[in-house]
PDB file of N, CA and C in Angstrom:
ATOM      1  N   UNK A   1      -5.837  12.525 -17.297  1.00  0.00           N
ATOM      2  CA  UNK A   1      -4.977  12.163 -16.198  1.00  0.00           C
ATOM      3  C   UNK A   1      -3.716  11.557 -16.837  1.00  0.00           C
ATOM      4  N   UNK A   2      -2.553  11.953 -16.405  1.00  0.00           N
ATOM      5  CA  UNK A   2      -1.326  11.407 -16.985  1.00  0.00           C
ATOM      6  C   UNK A   2      -1.104   9.981 -16.536  1.00  0.00           C
ATOM      7  N   UNK A   3      -0.085   9.366 -17.130  1.00  0.00           N
ATOM      8  CA  UNK A   3       0.155   7.954 -16.869  1.00  0.00           C
ATOM      9  C   UNK A   3       0.583   7.703 -15.459  1.00  0.00           C
ATOM     10  N   UNK A   4       1.420   8.543 -14.848  1.00  0.00           N
ATOM     11  CA  UNK A   4       1.912   8.376 -13.532  1.00  0.00           C
ATOM     12  C   UNK A   4       0.783   8.565 -12.549  1.00  0.00           C
ATOM     13  N   UNK A   5      -0.022   9.532 -12.736  1.00  0.00           N
ATOM     14  CA  UNK A   5      -1.200   9.770 -11.868  1.00  0.00           C
ATOM     15  C   UNK A   5      -2.139   8.568 -11.875  1.00  0.00           C
ATOM     16  N   UNK A   6      -2.387   8.076 -13.105  1.00  0.00           N
ATOM     17  CA  UNK A   6      -3.311   6.898 -13.224  1.00  0.00           C
ATOM     18  C   UNK A   6      -2.729   5.671 -12.524  1.00  0.00           C
ATOM     19  N   UNK A   7      -1.448   5.506 -12.684  1.00  0.00           N
ATOM     20  CA  UNK A   7      -0.816   4.333 -12.053  1.00  0.00           C
ATOM     21  C   UNK A   7      -0.782   4.487 -10.533  1.00  0.00           C
ATOM     22  N   UNK A   8      -0.668   5.671 -10.001  1.00  0.00           N
ATOM     23  CA  UNK A   8      -0.732   5.850  -8.490  1.00  0.00           C
ATOM     24  C   UNK A   8      -2.150   5.620  -8.015  1.00  0.00           C
ATOM     25  N   UNK A   9      -3.175   6.073  -8.746  1.00  0.00           N
ATOM     26  CA  UNK A   9      -4.540   5.811  -8.383  1.00  0.00           C
ATOM     27  C   UNK A   9      -4.847   4.297  -8.415  1.00  0.00           C
ATOM     28  N   UNK A  10      -4.309   3.684  -9.515  1.00  0.00           N
ATOM     29  CA  UNK A  10      -4.467   2.214  -9.640  1.00  0.00           C
ATOM     30  C   UNK A  10      -3.809   1.468  -8.532  1.00  0.00           C
ATOM     31  N   UNK A  11      -2.616   1.892  -8.095  1.00  0.00           N
ATOM     32  CA  UNK A  11      -1.904   1.225  -7.022  1.00  0.00           C
ATOM     33  C   UNK A  11      -2.665   1.409  -5.727  1.00  0.00           C
ATOM     34  N   UNK A  12      -3.153   2.586  -5.467  1.00  0.00           N
ATOM     35  CA  UNK A  12      -3.965   2.808  -4.254  1.00  0.00           C
ATOM     36  C   UNK A  12      -5.213   1.924  -4.220  1.00  0.00           C
ATOM     37  N   UNK A  13      -5.889   1.847  -5.324  1.00  0.00           N
ATOM     38  CA  UNK A  13      -7.021   0.949  -5.445  1.00  0.00           C
ATOM     39  C   UNK A  13      -6.634  -0.522  -5.202  1.00  0.00           C
ATOM     40  N   UNK A  14      -5.592  -0.909  -5.871  1.00  0.00           N
ATOM     41  CA  UNK A  14      -5.087  -2.297  -5.724  1.00  0.00           C
ATOM     42  C   UNK A  14      -4.757  -2.581  -4.246  1.00  0.00           C
ATOM     43  N   UNK A  15      -4.027  -1.727  -3.558  1.00  0.00           N
ATOM     44  CA  UNK A  15      -3.685  -1.909  -2.149  1.00  0.00           C
ATOM     45  C   UNK A  15      -4.935  -1.935  -1.282  1.00  0.00           C
ATOM     46  N   UNK A  16      -5.910  -1.029  -1.585  1.00  0.00           N
ATOM     47  CA  UNK A  16      -7.163  -1.033  -0.873  1.00  0.00           C
ATOM     48  C   UNK A  16      -7.911  -2.363  -0.976  1.00  0.00           C
ATOM     49  N   UNK A  17      -8.008  -2.892  -2.222  1.00  0.00           N
ATOM     50  CA  UNK A  17      -8.658  -4.122  -2.421  1.00  0.00           C
ATOM     51  C   UNK A  17      -7.987  -5.260  -1.700  1.00  0.00           C
ATOM     52  N   UNK A  18      -6.662  -5.281  -1.756  1.00  0.00           N
ATOM     53  CA  UNK A  18      -5.891  -6.367  -1.118  1.00  0.00           C
ATOM     54  C   UNK A  18      -6.054  -6.316   0.424  1.00  0.00           C
ATOM     55  N   UNK A  19      -6.065  -5.046   0.962  1.00  0.00           N
ATOM     56  CA  UNK A  19      -6.192  -4.886   2.397  1.00  0.00           C
ATOM     57  C   UNK A  19      -7.647  -5.370   2.819  1.00  0.00           C
ATOM     58  N   UNK A  20      -8.620  -4.973   1.976  1.00  0.00           N
ATOM     59  CA  UNK A  20      -9.982  -5.384   2.291  1.00  0.00           C
ATOM     60  C   UNK A  20     -10.186  -6.865   2.212  1.00  0.00           C
ATOM     61  N   UNK A  21      -9.536  -7.532   1.293  1.00  0.00           N
ATOM     62  CA  UNK A  21      -9.582  -9.025   1.202  1.00  0.00           C
ATOM     63  C   UNK A  21      -8.946  -9.677   2.403  1.00  0.00           C
ATOM     64  N   UNK A  22      -7.800  -9.101   2.835  1.00  0.00           N
ATOM     65  CA  UNK A  22      -7.094  -9.625   4.000  1.00  0.00           C
ATOM     66  C   UNK A  22      -7.944  -9.498   5.257  1.00  0.00           C
ATOM     67  N   UNK A  23      -8.538  -8.270   5.444  1.00  0.00           N
ATOM     68  CA  UNK A  23      -9.418  -8.005   6.609  1.00  0.00           C
ATOM     69  C   UNK A  23     -10.628  -8.970   6.571  1.00  0.00           C
ATOM     70  N   UNK A  24     -11.229  -9.101   5.444  1.00  0.00           N
ATOM     71  CA  UNK A  24     -12.373  -9.966   5.303  1.00  0.00           C
ATOM     72  C   UNK A  24     -12.040 -11.444   5.649  1.00  0.00           C
ATOM     73  N   UNK A  25     -10.921 -11.895   5.124  1.00  0.00           N
ATOM     74  CA  UNK A  25     -10.437 -13.296   5.456  1.00  0.00           C
ATOM     75  C   UNK A  25     -10.223 -13.436   6.911  1.00  0.00           C
ATOM     76  N   UNK A  26      -9.569 -12.448   7.518  1.00  0.00           N
ATOM     77  CA  UNK A  26      -9.282 -12.556   8.969  1.00  0.00           C
ATOM     78  C   UNK A  26     -10.553 -12.579   9.799  1.00  0.00           C
ATOM     79  N   UNK A  27     -11.577 -11.788   9.430  1.00  0.00           N
ATOM     80  CA  UNK A  27     -12.825 -11.799  10.193  1.00  0.00           C
ATOM     81  C   UNK A  27     -13.543 -13.129   9.973  1.00  0.00           C
ATOM     82  N   UNK A  28     -13.531 -13.715   8.783  1.00  0.00           N
ATOM     83  CA  UNK A  28     -14.157 -14.985   8.554  1.00  0.00           C
ATOM     84  C   UNK A  28     -13.451 -16.073   9.378  1.00  0.00           C
ATOM     85  N   UNK A  29     -12.135 -15.990   9.440  1.00  0.00           N
ATOM     86  CA  UNK A  29     -11.393 -16.985  10.165  1.00  0.00           C
ATOM     87  C   UNK A  29     -11.720 -16.958  11.671  1.00  0.00           C
ATOM     88  N   UNK A  30     -11.759 -15.668  12.261  1.00  0.00           N
ATOM     89  CA  UNK A  30     -12.120 -15.609  13.681  1.00  0.00           C
ATOM     90  C   UNK A  30     -13.572 -15.905  13.978  1.00  0.00           C
ATOM     91  N   UNK A  31     -14.427 -15.627  12.981  1.00  0.00           N
ATOM     92  CA  UNK A  31     -15.835 -16.019  13.120  1.00  0.00           C
ATOM     93  C   UNK A  31     -15.955 -17.506  13.168  1.00  0.00           C
ATOM     94  N   UNK A  32     -15.227 -18.183  12.329  1.00  0.00           N
ATOM     95  CA  UNK A  32     -15.207 -19.710  12.299  1.00  0.00           C
ATOM     96  C   UNK A  32     -14.659 -20.253  13.577  1.00  0.00           C
ATOM     97  N   UNK A  33     -13.512 -19.734  14.086  1.00  0.00           N
ATOM     98  CA  UNK A  33     -12.916 -20.233  15.326  1.00  0.00           C
ATOM     99  C   UNK A  33     -13.685 -19.953  16.578  1.00  0.00           C
ATOM    100  N   UNK A  34     -14.427 -18.807  16.592  1.00  0.00           N
ATOM    101  CA  UNK A  34     -15.220 -18.495  17.744  1.00  0.00           C
ATOM    102  C   UNK A  34     -14.662 -17.500  18.624  1.00  0.00           C
ATOM    103  N   UNK A  35     -15.525 -16.992  19.597  1.00  0.00           N
ATOM    104  CA  UNK A  35     -15.178 -15.942  20.489  1.00  0.00           C
ATOM    105  C   UNK A  35     -14.043 -16.321  21.468  1.00  0.00           C
ATOM    106  N   UNK A  36     -14.105 -17.519  21.986  1.00  0.00           N
ATOM    107  CA  UNK A  36     -13.079 -17.926  22.951  1.00  0.00           C
ATOM    108  C   UNK A  36     -11.703 -17.934  22.353  1.00  0.00           C
ATOM    109  N   UNK A  37     -11.609 -18.482  21.140  1.00  0.00           N
ATOM    110  CA  UNK A  37     -10.278 -18.504  20.462  1.00  0.00           C
ATOM    111  C   UNK A  37      -9.806 -17.090  20.216  1.00  0.00           C
ATOM    112  N   UNK A  38     -10.704 -16.205  19.825  1.00  0.00           N
ATOM    113  CA  UNK A  38     -10.301 -14.820  19.517  1.00  0.00           C
ATOM    114  C   UNK A  38      -9.836 -14.141  20.810  1.00  0.00           C
ATOM    115  N   UNK A  39     -10.572 -14.287  21.906  1.00  0.00           N
ATOM    116  CA  UNK A  39     -10.152 -13.677  23.112  1.00  0.00           C
ATOM    117  C   UNK A  39      -8.817 -14.220  23.702  1.00  0.00           C
ATOM    118  N   UNK A  40      -8.664 -15.532  23.489  1.00  0.00           N
ATOM    119  CA  UNK A  40      -7.424 -16.114  23.959  1.00  0.00           C
ATOM    120  C   UNK A  40      -6.181 -15.609  23.125  1.00  0.00           C
ATOM    121  N   UNK A  41      -6.420 -15.424  21.855  1.00  0.00           N
ATOM    122  CA  UNK A  41      -5.377 -14.832  20.967  1.00  0.00           C
ATOM    123  C   UNK A  41      -5.098 -13.451  21.349  1.00  0.00           C
ATOM    124  N   UNK A  42      -6.060 -12.601  21.594  1.00  0.00           N
ATOM    125  CA  UNK A  42      -5.876 -11.234  22.085  1.00  0.00           C
ATOM    126  C   UNK A  42      -5.145 -11.190  23.377  1.00  0.00           C
ATOM    127  N   UNK A  43      -5.440 -12.100  24.287  1.00  0.00           N
ATOM    128  CA  UNK A  43      -4.791 -12.214  25.561  1.00  0.00           C
ATOM    129  C   UNK A  43      -3.307 -12.471  25.428  1.00  0.00           C
ATOM    130  N   UNK A  44      -2.934 -13.450  24.531  1.00  0.00           N
ATOM    131  CA  UNK A  44      -1.584 -13.789  24.249  1.00  0.00           C
ATOM    132  C   UNK A  44      -0.852 -12.610  23.623  1.00  0.00           C
ATOM    133  N   UNK A  45      -1.504 -11.873  22.699  1.00  0.00           N
ATOM    134  CA  UNK A  45      -0.923 -10.752  22.041  1.00  0.00           C
ATOM    135  C   UNK A  45      -0.611  -9.660  23.098  1.00  0.00           C
ATOM    136  N   UNK A  46      -1.525  -9.381  23.998  1.00  0.00           N
ATOM    137  CA  UNK A  46      -1.341  -8.405  25.004  1.00  0.00           C
ATOM    138  C   UNK A  46      -0.157  -8.792  25.926  1.00  0.00           C
ATOM    139  N   UNK A  47      -0.151 -10.031  26.338  1.00  0.00           N
ATOM    140  CA  UNK A  47       0.950 -10.476  27.226  1.00  0.00           C
ATOM    141  C   UNK A  47       2.306 -10.435  26.529  1.00  0.00           C
ATOM    142  N   UNK A  48       2.355 -10.732  25.284  1.00  0.00           N
ATOM    143  CA  UNK A  48       3.626 -10.758  24.531  1.00  0.00           C
ATOM    144  C   UNK A  48       4.115  -9.369  24.120  1.00  0.00           C
ATOM    145  N   UNK A  49       3.297  -8.482  23.716  1.00  0.00           N
ATOM    146  CA  UNK A  49       3.720  -7.249  23.073  1.00  0.00           C
ATOM    147  C   UNK A  49       3.356  -5.983  23.800  1.00  0.00           C
ATOM    148  N   UNK A  50       2.141  -5.952  24.408  1.00  0.00           N
ATOM    149  CA  UNK A  50       1.698  -4.747  25.055  1.00  0.00           C
ATOM    150  C   UNK A  50       2.168  -4.586  26.457  1.00  0.00           C
ATOM    151  N   UNK A  51       2.100  -5.621  27.272  1.00  0.00           N
ATOM    152  CA  UNK A  51       2.448  -5.568  28.644  1.00  0.00           C
ATOM    153  C   UNK A  51       3.942  -5.295  28.900  1.00  0.00           C
ATOM    154  N   UNK A  52       4.758  -5.853  28.054  1.00  0.00           N
ATOM    155  CA  UNK A  52       6.176  -5.622  28.106  1.00  0.00           C
ATOM    156  C   UNK A  52       6.589  -4.541  27.148  1.00  0.00           C
ATOM    157  N   UNK A  53       6.522  -3.289  27.560  1.00  0.00           N
ATOM    158  CA  UNK A  53       6.795  -2.139  26.635  1.00  0.00           C
ATOM    159  C   UNK A  53       8.249  -2.145  26.173  1.00  0.00           C
ATOM    160  N   UNK A  54       8.380  -1.835  24.863  1.00  0.00           N
ATOM    161  CA  UNK A  54       9.712  -1.732  24.280  1.00  0.00           C
ATOM    162  C   UNK A  54      10.210  -0.298  24.453  1.00  0.00           C
ATOM    163  N   UNK A  55      11.536  -0.116  24.360  1.00  0.00           N
ATOM    164  CA  UNK A  55      12.037   1.260  24.481  1.00  0.00           C
ATOM    165  C   UNK A  55      11.462   2.147  23.386  1.00  0.00           C
ATOM    166  N   UNK A  56      11.310   3.459  23.689  1.00  0.00           N
ATOM    167  CA  UNK A  56      10.650   4.343  22.782  1.00  0.00           C
ATOM    168  C   UNK A  56      11.487   4.520  21.523  1.00  0.00           C
ATOM    169  N   UNK A  57      12.818   4.611  21.656  1.00  0.00           N
ATOM    170  CA  UNK A  57      13.667   4.761  20.499  1.00  0.00           C
ATOM    171  C   UNK A  57      13.510   3.648  19.540  1.00  0.00           C
ATOM    172  N   UNK A  58      13.442   2.371  20.063  1.00  0.00           N
ATOM    173  CA  UNK A  58      13.284   1.212  19.173  1.00  0.00           C
ATOM    174  C   UNK A  58      11.962   1.253  18.493  1.00  0.00           C
ATOM    175  N   UNK A  59      10.907   1.641  19.145  1.00  0.00           N
ATOM    176  CA  UNK A  59       9.613   1.705  18.544  1.00  0.00           C
ATOM    177  C   UNK A  59       9.531   2.776  17.431  1.00  0.00           C
ATOM    178  N   UNK A  60      10.204   3.918  17.660  1.00  0.00           N
ATOM    179  CA  UNK A  60      10.187   4.994  16.671  1.00  0.00           C
ATOM    180  C   UNK A  60      10.967   4.509  15.410  1.00  0.00           C
ATOM    181  N   UNK A  61      12.172   3.938  15.645  1.00  0.00           N
ATOM    182  CA  UNK A  61      13.003   3.466  14.524  1.00  0.00           C
ATOM    183  C   UNK A  61      12.323   2.396  13.696  1.00  0.00           C
ATOM    184  N   UNK A  62      11.668   1.439  14.404  1.00  0.00           N
ATOM    185  CA  UNK A  62      10.969   0.353  13.686  1.00  0.00           C
ATOM    186  C   UNK A  62       9.821   0.869  12.934  1.00  0.00           C
ATOM    187  N   UNK A  63       9.097   1.882  13.511  1.00  0.00           N
ATOM    188  CA  UNK A  63       7.968   2.535  12.778  1.00  0.00           C
ATOM    189  C   UNK A  63       8.419   3.236  11.505  1.00  0.00           C
ATOM    190  N   UNK A  64       9.524   4.012  11.572  1.00  0.00           N
ATOM    191  CA  UNK A  64      10.090   4.699  10.460  1.00  0.00           C
ATOM    192  C   UNK A  64      10.479   3.666   9.392  1.00  0.00           C
ATOM    193  N   UNK A  65      11.142   2.609   9.775  1.00  0.00           N
ATOM    194  CA  UNK A  65      11.519   1.612   8.765  1.00  0.00           C
ATOM    195  C   UNK A  65      10.355   0.943   8.058  1.00  0.00           C
ATOM    196  N   UNK A  66       9.294   0.643   8.807  1.00  0.00           N
ATOM    197  CA  UNK A  66       8.109   0.037   8.271  1.00  0.00           C
ATOM    198  C   UNK A  66       7.411   1.027   7.275  1.00  0.00           C
ATOM    199  N   UNK A  67       7.312   2.263   7.714  1.00  0.00           N
ATOM    200  CA  UNK A  67       6.677   3.276   6.752  1.00  0.00           C
ATOM    201  C   UNK A  67       7.480   3.497   5.506  1.00  0.00           C
ATOM    202  N   UNK A  68       8.815   3.594   5.619  1.00  0.00           N
ATOM    203  CA  UNK A  68       9.672   3.675   4.421  1.00  0.00           C
ATOM    204  C   UNK A  68       9.578   2.462   3.527  1.00  0.00           C
ATOM    205  N   UNK A  69       9.491   1.307   4.118  1.00  0.00           N
ATOM    206  CA  UNK A  69       9.287   0.063   3.362  1.00  0.00           C
ATOM    207  C   UNK A  69       7.992   0.020   2.628  1.00  0.00           C
ATOM    208  N   UNK A  70       6.889   0.416   3.340  1.00  0.00           N
ATOM    209  CA  UNK A  70       5.571   0.423   2.703  1.00  0.00           C
ATOM    210  C   UNK A  70       5.517   1.430   1.563  1.00  0.00           C
ATOM    211  N   UNK A  71       6.086   2.628   1.808  1.00  0.00           N
ATOM    212  CA  UNK A  71       6.127   3.660   0.742  1.00  0.00           C
ATOM    213  C   UNK A  71       6.977   3.183  -0.461  1.00  0.00           C
ATOM    214  N   UNK A  72       8.096   2.518  -0.170  1.00  0.00           N
ATOM    215  CA  UNK A  72       8.940   2.011  -1.248  1.00  0.00           C
ATOM    216  C   UNK A  72       8.165   0.949  -2.085  1.00  0.00           C
ATOM    217  N   UNK A  73       7.448   0.063  -1.436  1.00  0.00           N
ATOM    218  CA  UNK A  73       6.709  -0.950  -2.157  1.00  0.00           C
ATOM    219  C   UNK A  73       5.594  -0.290  -3.019  1.00  0.00           C
ATOM    220  N   UNK A  74       4.971   0.718  -2.465  1.00  0.00           N
ATOM    221  CA  UNK A  74       3.897   1.519  -3.108  1.00  0.00           C
ATOM    222  C   UNK A  74       4.476   2.119  -4.363  1.00  0.00           C
ATOM    223  N   UNK A  75       5.572   2.854  -4.269  1.00  0.00           N
ATOM    224  CA  UNK A  75       6.234   3.520  -5.383  1.00  0.00           C
ATOM    225  C   UNK A  75       6.702   2.505  -6.453  1.00  0.00           C
ATOM    226  N   UNK A  76       7.227   1.337  -6.009  1.00  0.00           N
ATOM    227  CA  UNK A  76       7.633   0.343  -6.973  1.00  0.00           C
ATOM    228  C   UNK A  76       6.426  -0.182  -7.755  1.00  0.00           C
ATOM    229  N   UNK A  77       5.329  -0.444  -7.099  1.00  0.00           N
ATOM    230  CA  UNK A  77       4.206  -1.042  -7.816  1.00  0.00           C
ATOM    231  C   UNK A  77       3.663   0.031  -8.733  1.00  0.00           C
ATOM    232  N   UNK A  78       3.635   1.300  -8.264  1.00  0.00           N
ATOM    233  CA  UNK A  78       3.133   2.399  -9.134  1.00  0.00           C
ATOM    234  C   UNK A  78       4.008   2.520 -10.403  1.00  0.00           C
ATOM    235  N   UNK A  79       5.365   2.403 -10.147  1.00  0.00           N
ATOM    236  CA  UNK A  79       6.284   2.505 -11.321  1.00  0.00           C
ATOM    237  C   UNK A  79       6.042   1.370 -12.263  1.00  0.00           C
ATOM    238  N   UNK A  80       5.882   0.117 -11.755  1.00  0.00           N
ATOM    239  CA  UNK A  80       5.665  -1.060 -12.588  1.00  0.00           C
ATOM    240  C   UNK A  80       4.373  -0.942 -13.357  1.00  0.00           C
ATOM    241  N   UNK A  81       3.310  -0.464 -12.705  1.00  0.00           N
ATOM    242  CA  UNK A  81       2.054  -0.245 -13.406  1.00  0.00           C
ATOM    243  C   UNK A  81       2.165   0.818 -14.494  1.00  0.00           C
ATOM    244  N   UNK A  82       2.923   1.905 -14.205  1.00  0.00           N
ATOM    245  CA  UNK A  82       3.145   2.977 -15.133  1.00  0.00           C
ATOM    246  C   UNK A  82       3.888   2.463 -16.361  1.00  0.00           C
ATOM    247  N   UNK A  83       4.902   1.676 -16.150  1.00  0.00           N
ATOM    248  CA  UNK A  83       5.704   1.207 -17.223  1.00  0.00           C
ATOM    249  C   UNK A  83       4.932   0.128 -18.038  1.00  0.00           C
ATOM    250  N   UNK A  84       4.181  -0.704 -17.401  1.00  0.00           N
ATOM    251  CA  UNK A  84       3.478  -1.791 -18.099  1.00  0.00           C
ATOM    252  C   UNK A  84       2.264  -1.330 -18.838  1.00  0.00           C
ATOM    253  N   UNK A  85       1.660  -0.205 -18.356  1.00  0.00           N
ATOM    254  CA  UNK A  85       0.428   0.212 -18.948  1.00  0.00           C
ATOM    255  C   UNK A  85       0.536   0.707 -20.395  1.00  0.00           C
ATOM    256  N   UNK A  86       1.605   1.492 -20.668  1.00  0.00           N
ATOM    257  CA  UNK A  86       1.815   2.020 -22.004  1.00  0.00           C
ATOM    258  C   UNK A  86       0.755   3.073 -22.447  1.00  0.00           C
ATOM    259  N   UNK A  87       0.043   3.617 -21.436  1.00  0.00           N
ATOM    260  CA  UNK A  87      -1.000   4.616 -21.805  1.00  0.00           C
ATOM    261  C   UNK A  87      -0.318   5.901 -22.176  1.00  0.00           C
ATOM    262  N   UNK A  88      -0.941   6.591 -23.124  1.00  0.00           N
ATOM    263  CA  UNK A  88      -0.456   7.902 -23.506  1.00  0.00           C
ATOM    264  C   UNK A  88      -1.651   8.831 -23.339  1.00  0.00           C
ATOM    265  N   UNK A  89      -1.500   9.844 -22.539  1.00  0.00           N
ATOM    266  CA  UNK A  89      -2.596  10.779 -22.341  1.00  0.00           C
ATOM    267  C   UNK A  89      -2.816  11.677 -23.527  1.00  0.00           C
ATOM    268  N   UNK A  90      -3.998  12.264 -23.669  1.00  0.00           N
ATOM    269  CA  UNK A  90      -4.275  13.134 -24.857  1.00  0.00           C
ATOM    270  C   UNK A  90      -3.256  14.278 -25.003  1.00  0.00           C
ATOM    271  N   UNK A  91      -2.731  14.831 -23.956  1.00  0.00           N
ATOM    272  CA  UNK A  91      -1.741  15.846 -24.003  1.00  0.00           C
ATOM    273  C   UNK A  91      -0.461  15.314 -24.650  1.00  0.00           C
ATOM    274  N   UNK A  92      -0.069  14.165 -24.255  1.00  0.00           N
ATOM    275  CA  UNK A  92       1.143  13.500 -24.821  1.00  0.00           C
ATOM    276  C   UNK A  92       1.011  13.274 -26.274  1.00  0.00           C
ATOM    277  N   UNK A  93      -0.199  12.848 -26.733  1.00  0.00           N
ATOM    278  CA  UNK A  93      -0.414  12.584 -28.159  1.00  0.00           C
ATOM    279  C   UNK A  93      -0.350  13.827 -28.987  1.00  0.00           C
ATOM    280  N   UNK A  94      -0.926  14.907 -28.476  1.00  0.00           N
ATOM    281  CA  UNK A  94      -0.857  16.186 -29.230  1.00  0.00           C
ATOM    282  C   UNK A  94       0.521  16.753 -29.263  1.00  0.00           C
ATOM    283  N   UNK A  95       1.302  16.613 -28.212  1.00  0.00           N
ATOM    284  CA  UNK A  95       2.688  17.090 -28.211  1.00  0.00           C
ATOM    285  C   UNK A  95       3.508  16.210 -29.164  1.00  0.00           C
ATOM    286  N   UNK A  96       3.269  14.930 -29.183  1.00  0.00           N
ATOM    287  CA  UNK A  96       4.008  14.040 -30.037  1.00  0.00           C
ATOM    288  C   UNK A  96       3.739  14.277 -31.504  1.00  0.00           C
ATOM    289  N   UNK A  97       2.426  14.589 -31.854  1.00  0.00           N
ATOM    290  CA  UNK A  97       2.081  14.854 -33.237  1.00  0.00           C
ATOM    291  C   UNK A  97       2.633  16.152 -33.754  1.00  0.00           C
ATOM    292  N   UNK A  98       2.730  17.150 -32.864  1.00  0.00           N
ATOM    293  CA  UNK A  98       3.212  18.431 -33.355  1.00  0.00           C
ATOM    294  C   UNK A  98       4.725  18.559 -33.383  1.00  0.00           C
ATOM    295  N   UNK A  99       5.417  17.547 -32.856  1.00  0.00           N
ATOM    296  CA  UNK A  99       6.800  17.544 -32.887  1.00  0.00           C
ATOM    297  C   UNK A  99       7.384  18.302 -31.686  1.00  0.00           C
ATOM    298  N   UNK A 100       8.732  18.456 -31.662  1.00  0.00           N
ATOM    299  CA  UNK A 100       9.327  19.135 -30.525  1.00  0.00           C
ATOM    300  C   UNK A 100       8.920  20.608 -30.570  1.00  0.00           C
ATOM    301  N   UNK A 101       8.764  21.172 -29.345  1.00  0.00           N
ATOM    302  CA  UNK A 101       8.355  22.584 -29.306  1.00  0.00           C
ATOM    303  C   UNK A 101       9.643  23.387 -29.477  1.00  0.00           C
ATOM    304  N   UNK A 102       9.428  24.596 -30.135  1.00  0.00           N
ATOM    305  CA  UNK A 102      10.544  25.461 -30.304  1.00  0.00           C
ATOM    306  C   UNK A 102      10.413  26.663 -29.412  1.00  0.00           C
ATOM    307  N   UNK A 103      11.424  26.937 -28.657  1.00  0.00           N
ATOM    308  CA  UNK A 103      11.406  28.061 -27.728  1.00  0.00           C
ATOM    309  C   UNK A 103      12.002  29.280 -28.440  1.00  0.00           C
ATOM    310  N   UNK A 104      11.390  30.392 -28.111  1.00  0.00           N
ATOM    311  CA  UNK A 104      11.899  31.602 -28.770  1.00  0.00           C
ATOM    312  C   UNK A 104      12.777  32.426 -27.880  1.00  0.00           C
TER     313      UNK A 104
END
């Protein structure tokens, strides 16, 4: 696997672990606070965001911006992992040892 592919897999695993930790922490917090606090929070969320629908255009634009932002952060982390890793795949080593290829 080349360096870029390995860094993208590593970034995906890293984001998966971070999301899992966040979800676990959230569940522990709501478990500690109890059912009534959770239901009250969900009621406030519904009243604030769901009941008063936003315009469709605004929702689509905001969703596109969030997705582009998440993808940008993913690519940045993958690039940083790729640059910091310094891994050289076996194909790269054999090409480097044989020197530049000559085209005929």
